[in-house]
């Protein structure tokens, strides 16, 4: 079991990184550093909020590319395409996209 707060994470209206659902959520991080301009703060919070997705995409890609993963059924074009799609989506989210 991981020691970090499970995702998904998002940036709330006050610039904090939060996790949870509905009315029950926790603050995971505060990226409101006053010495940074607003664009840099927003970019930082996007990157931090995407961390769980980035980690999952990297774990999946590593499993697919690993010889042991290939023996366990993770080889083939479809799996590579799925891993690439997940990685691109996580990267886009980390860079402030959806």
N, C-alpha and C. Protein backbone atom coordinates (compact mmCIF):
# COMPACT_ATOMS: atom_id res chain seq x y z
N UNK A 1 0.84 -1.18 0.00
CA UNK A 1 0.00 0.00 0.00
C UNK A 1 0.88 1.24 0.00
N UNK A 2 0.47 2.23 -0.77
CA UNK A 2 1.24 3.47 -0.86
C UNK A 2 1.03 4.34 0.38
N UNK A 3 1.98 5.21 0.63
CA UNK A 3 1.90 6.09 1.78
C UNK A 3 1.35 7.46 1.43
N UNK A 4 1.10 7.71 0.15
CA UNK A 4 0.58 9.02 -0.26
C UNK A 4 -0.94 8.97 -0.38
N UNK A 5 -1.55 10.13 -0.40
CA UNK A 5 -2.99 10.25 -0.55
C UNK A 5 -3.38 9.77 -1.94
N UNK A 6 -4.33 8.84 -2.04
CA UNK A 6 -4.69 8.34 -3.37
C UNK A 6 -5.33 9.42 -4.24
N UNK A 7 -5.15 9.29 -5.54
CA UNK A 7 -5.74 10.22 -6.50
C UNK A 7 -7.17 9.84 -6.80
N UNK A 8 -7.85 10.58 -7.62
CA UNK A 8 -7.30 11.72 -8.33
C UNK A 8 -7.15 12.94 -7.42
N UNK A 9 -6.24 13.80 -7.82
CA UNK A 9 -6.02 15.07 -7.15
C UNK A 9 -6.48 16.17 -8.09
N UNK A 10 -6.86 17.31 -7.54
CA UNK A 10 -7.26 18.45 -8.36
C UNK A 10 -6.88 19.75 -7.65
N UNK A 11 -6.88 20.83 -8.42
CA UNK A 11 -6.61 22.16 -7.87
C UNK A 11 -7.96 22.77 -7.51
N UNK A 12 -8.14 23.15 -6.26
CA UNK A 12 -9.41 23.77 -5.87
C UNK A 12 -9.39 25.26 -6.20
N UNK A 13 -10.49 25.93 -5.92
CA UNK A 13 -10.62 27.34 -6.27
C UNK A 13 -9.64 28.26 -5.54
N UNK A 14 -9.08 27.78 -4.44
CA UNK A 14 -8.14 28.59 -3.66
C UNK A 14 -6.68 28.28 -4.00
N UNK A 15 -6.45 27.38 -4.96
CA UNK A 15 -5.09 27.06 -5.37
C UNK A 15 -4.45 25.93 -4.59
N UNK A 16 -5.23 25.23 -3.77
CA UNK A 16 -4.72 24.09 -3.04
C UNK A 16 -4.93 22.83 -3.86
N UNK A 17 -4.10 21.82 -3.64
CA UNK A 17 -4.28 20.52 -4.26
C UNK A 17 -5.11 19.68 -3.30
N UNK A 18 -6.21 19.11 -3.79
CA UNK A 18 -7.14 18.38 -2.94
C UNK A 18 -7.38 16.98 -3.50
N UNK A 19 -7.87 16.10 -2.63
CA UNK A 19 -8.24 14.75 -3.02
C UNK A 19 -9.47 14.35 -2.24
N UNK A 20 -10.30 13.54 -2.82
CA UNK A 20 -11.52 13.08 -2.18
C UNK A 20 -12.68 13.19 -3.13
N UNK A 21 -13.89 13.15 -2.59
CA UNK A 21 -15.06 13.30 -3.44
C UNK A 21 -16.19 13.97 -2.67
N UNK A 22 -17.10 14.56 -3.40
CA UNK A 22 -18.24 15.21 -2.78
C UNK A 22 -17.81 16.28 -1.78
N UNK A 23 -18.43 16.23 -0.61
CA UNK A 23 -18.12 17.20 0.43
C UNK A 23 -16.95 16.77 1.30
N UNK A 24 -16.44 15.56 1.09
CA UNK A 24 -15.35 15.04 1.89
C UNK A 24 -14.08 15.03 1.08
N UNK A 25 -13.18 15.95 1.39
CA UNK A 25 -11.90 15.97 0.71
C UNK A 25 -10.83 16.51 1.64
N UNK A 26 -9.59 16.25 1.29
CA UNK A 26 -8.47 16.71 2.09
C UNK A 26 -7.54 17.54 1.22
N UNK A 27 -6.83 18.46 1.86
CA UNK A 27 -5.81 19.22 1.15
C UNK A 27 -4.54 18.38 1.12
N UNK A 28 -4.02 18.16 -0.08
CA UNK A 28 -2.81 17.37 -0.26
C UNK A 28 -1.59 18.27 -0.26
N UNK A 29 -1.70 19.45 -0.87
CA UNK A 29 -0.55 20.36 -0.97
C UNK A 29 -1.04 21.79 -1.14
N UNK A 30 -0.17 22.71 -0.79
CA UNK A 30 -0.44 24.13 -0.98
C UNK A 30 0.67 24.69 -1.86
N UNK A 31 0.32 25.06 -3.08
CA UNK A 31 1.31 25.59 -4.02
C UNK A 31 1.25 27.11 -4.11
N UNK A 32 0.61 27.75 -3.15
CA UNK A 32 0.47 29.21 -3.15
C UNK A 32 1.72 29.87 -2.58
N UNK A 33 2.75 29.93 -3.38
CA UNK A 33 4.00 30.58 -2.99
C UNK A 33 3.95 32.01 -3.49
N UNK A 34 3.92 32.95 -2.57
CA UNK A 34 3.72 34.35 -2.93
C UNK A 34 4.81 34.92 -3.83
N UNK A 35 6.01 34.34 -3.79
CA UNK A 35 7.09 34.88 -4.60
C UNK A 35 6.97 34.49 -6.08
N UNK A 36 6.05 33.61 -6.41
CA UNK A 36 5.85 33.17 -7.80
C UNK A 36 4.69 33.92 -8.42
N UNK A 37 4.78 34.18 -9.72
CA UNK A 37 3.64 34.82 -10.37
C UNK A 37 2.52 33.80 -10.56
N UNK A 38 1.32 34.27 -10.86
CA UNK A 38 0.13 33.43 -10.92
C UNK A 38 0.26 32.33 -11.96
N UNK A 39 0.86 32.62 -13.11
CA UNK A 39 1.02 31.60 -14.15
C UNK A 39 1.90 30.45 -13.67
N UNK A 40 2.97 30.78 -12.97
CA UNK A 40 3.87 29.74 -12.46
C UNK A 40 3.20 28.94 -11.36
N UNK A 41 2.44 29.60 -10.49
CA UNK A 41 1.70 28.88 -9.43
C UNK A 41 0.69 27.92 -10.04
N UNK A 42 -0.04 28.38 -11.07
CA UNK A 42 -1.03 27.51 -11.72
C UNK A 42 -0.36 26.34 -12.42
N UNK A 43 0.78 26.57 -13.05
CA UNK A 43 1.52 25.48 -13.70
C UNK A 43 2.01 24.48 -12.66
N UNK A 44 2.49 24.97 -11.52
CA UNK A 44 2.95 24.07 -10.45
C UNK A 44 1.81 23.24 -9.90
N UNK A 45 0.65 23.86 -9.69
CA UNK A 45 -0.47 23.09 -9.15
C UNK A 45 -0.98 22.07 -10.16
N UNK A 46 -0.94 22.39 -11.44
CA UNK A 46 -1.34 21.40 -12.47
C UNK A 46 -0.41 20.20 -12.42
N UNK A 47 0.88 20.45 -12.32
CA UNK A 47 1.85 19.37 -12.27
C UNK A 47 1.66 18.51 -11.02
N UNK A 48 1.50 19.15 -9.88
CA UNK A 48 1.31 18.41 -8.64
C UNK A 48 0.02 17.60 -8.68
N UNK A 49 -1.06 18.20 -9.16
CA UNK A 49 -2.35 17.50 -9.21
C UNK A 49 -2.30 16.28 -10.12
N UNK A 50 -1.46 16.30 -11.14
CA UNK A 50 -1.35 15.18 -12.08
C UNK A 50 -0.43 14.08 -11.58
N UNK A 51 0.23 14.27 -10.45
CA UNK A 51 1.22 13.30 -9.96
C UNK A 51 0.69 11.86 -9.88
N UNK A 52 -0.50 11.61 -9.32
CA UNK A 52 -0.97 10.22 -9.28
C UNK A 52 -1.15 9.61 -10.67
N UNK A 53 -1.64 10.39 -11.63
CA UNK A 53 -1.82 9.88 -12.99
C UNK A 53 -0.47 9.65 -13.66
N UNK A 54 0.48 10.55 -13.44
CA UNK A 54 1.81 10.37 -14.00
C UNK A 54 2.45 9.11 -13.46
N UNK A 55 2.32 8.89 -12.16
CA UNK A 55 2.89 7.69 -11.54
C UNK A 55 2.24 6.43 -12.11
N UNK A 56 0.93 6.43 -12.23
CA UNK A 56 0.22 5.26 -12.77
C UNK A 56 0.63 4.99 -14.21
N UNK A 57 0.75 6.05 -15.03
CA UNK A 57 1.14 5.87 -16.42
C UNK A 57 2.56 5.32 -16.53
N UNK A 58 3.45 5.80 -15.69
CA UNK A 58 4.83 5.30 -15.71
C UNK A 58 4.91 3.86 -15.25
N UNK A 59 4.15 3.52 -14.21
CA UNK A 59 4.13 2.12 -13.75
C UNK A 59 3.61 1.20 -14.84
N UNK A 60 2.55 1.62 -15.53
CA UNK A 60 1.98 0.82 -16.61
C UNK A 60 2.97 0.67 -17.75
N UNK A 61 3.62 1.77 -18.15
CA UNK A 61 4.60 1.71 -19.23
C UNK A 61 5.77 0.80 -18.86
N UNK A 62 6.24 0.91 -17.62
CA UNK A 62 7.34 0.06 -17.18
C UNK A 62 6.95 -1.41 -17.22
N UNK A 63 5.73 -1.71 -16.80
CA UNK A 63 5.25 -3.09 -16.80
C UNK A 63 5.19 -3.63 -18.23
N UNK A 64 4.72 -2.83 -19.15
CA UNK A 64 4.60 -3.25 -20.55
C UNK A 64 5.97 -3.45 -21.17
N UNK A 65 6.91 -2.57 -20.86
CA UNK A 65 8.23 -2.63 -21.46
C UNK A 65 9.15 -3.66 -20.81
N UNK A 66 8.82 -4.04 -19.60
CA UNK A 66 9.63 -5.00 -18.86
C UNK A 66 9.44 -6.41 -19.44
N UNK A 67 10.52 -7.17 -19.52
CA UNK A 67 10.41 -8.55 -20.02
C UNK A 67 9.43 -9.37 -19.20
N UNK A 68 9.44 -9.20 -17.88
CA UNK A 68 8.50 -9.93 -17.04
C UNK A 68 7.07 -9.54 -17.37
N UNK A 69 6.85 -8.26 -17.61
CA UNK A 69 5.52 -7.79 -17.98
C UNK A 69 5.06 -8.41 -19.28
N UNK A 70 5.97 -8.54 -20.25
CA UNK A 70 5.62 -9.15 -21.53
C UNK A 70 5.20 -10.59 -21.33
N UNK A 71 5.87 -11.30 -20.45
CA UNK A 71 5.49 -12.69 -20.17
C UNK A 71 4.13 -12.78 -19.48
N UNK A 72 3.76 -11.72 -18.78
CA UNK A 72 2.49 -11.71 -18.07
C UNK A 72 1.34 -11.18 -18.93
N UNK A 73 1.56 -11.02 -20.23
CA UNK A 73 0.48 -10.62 -21.12
C UNK A 73 0.39 -9.14 -21.40
N UNK A 74 1.43 -8.38 -21.15
CA UNK A 74 1.38 -6.95 -21.37
C UNK A 74 2.07 -6.52 -22.66
N UNK A 75 2.36 -7.47 -23.55
CA UNK A 75 3.02 -7.10 -24.79
C UNK A 75 1.98 -6.97 -25.90
N UNK A 76 2.40 -6.44 -27.04
CA UNK A 76 1.51 -6.30 -28.18
C UNK A 76 1.17 -4.85 -28.43
N UNK A 77 0.80 -4.53 -29.66
CA UNK A 77 0.55 -3.16 -30.07
C UNK A 77 -0.54 -2.49 -29.25
N UNK A 78 -1.62 -3.21 -28.96
CA UNK A 78 -2.70 -2.59 -28.21
C UNK A 78 -2.22 -2.11 -26.84
N UNK A 79 -1.44 -2.92 -26.15
CA UNK A 79 -0.94 -2.52 -24.85
C UNK A 79 -0.01 -1.32 -24.95
N UNK A 80 0.86 -1.33 -25.98
CA UNK A 80 1.75 -0.19 -26.18
C UNK A 80 0.94 1.07 -26.48
N UNK A 81 -0.07 0.96 -27.31
CA UNK A 81 -0.93 2.11 -27.63
C UNK A 81 -1.63 2.62 -26.38
N UNK A 82 -2.16 1.70 -25.56
CA UNK A 82 -2.84 2.09 -24.33
C UNK A 82 -1.88 2.82 -23.38
N UNK A 83 -0.66 2.29 -23.26
CA UNK A 83 0.32 2.92 -22.38
C UNK A 83 0.70 4.30 -22.89
N UNK A 84 0.88 4.42 -24.20
CA UNK A 84 1.23 5.71 -24.79
C UNK A 84 0.09 6.72 -24.60
N UNK A 85 -1.15 6.28 -24.79
CA UNK A 85 -2.30 7.16 -24.60
C UNK A 85 -2.39 7.65 -23.16
N UNK A 86 -2.20 6.73 -22.20
CA UNK A 86 -2.26 7.09 -20.78
C UNK A 86 -1.14 8.07 -20.43
N UNK A 87 0.04 7.82 -20.98
CA UNK A 87 1.17 8.72 -20.71
C UNK A 87 0.91 10.10 -21.29
N UNK A 88 0.40 10.17 -22.53
CA UNK A 88 0.12 11.48 -23.14
C UNK A 88 -0.96 12.22 -22.36
N UNK A 89 -1.98 11.51 -21.89
CA UNK A 89 -3.05 12.15 -21.13
C UNK A 89 -2.52 12.70 -19.80
N UNK A 90 -1.67 11.93 -19.13
CA UNK A 90 -1.09 12.38 -17.86
C UNK A 90 -0.18 13.58 -18.08
N UNK A 91 0.60 13.55 -19.15
CA UNK A 91 1.48 14.67 -19.47
C UNK A 91 0.67 15.93 -19.76
N UNK A 92 -0.39 15.78 -20.54
CA UNK A 92 -1.24 16.94 -20.86
C UNK A 92 -1.84 17.54 -19.60
N UNK A 93 -2.31 16.68 -18.70
CA UNK A 93 -2.89 17.16 -17.45
C UNK A 93 -1.83 17.86 -16.60
N UNK A 94 -0.63 17.29 -16.56
CA UNK A 94 0.46 17.90 -15.80
C UNK A 94 0.84 19.26 -16.35
N UNK A 95 0.63 19.44 -17.65
CA UNK A 95 0.97 20.72 -18.28
C UNK A 95 -0.21 21.68 -18.32
N UNK A 96 -1.28 21.36 -17.59
CA UNK A 96 -2.40 22.27 -17.45
C UNK A 96 -3.58 21.99 -18.34
N UNK A 97 -3.52 20.92 -19.14
CA UNK A 97 -4.64 20.55 -20.00
C UNK A 97 -5.59 19.64 -19.28
N UNK A 98 -6.52 19.11 -20.03
CA UNK A 98 -7.50 18.18 -19.43
C UNK A 98 -7.09 16.81 -19.72
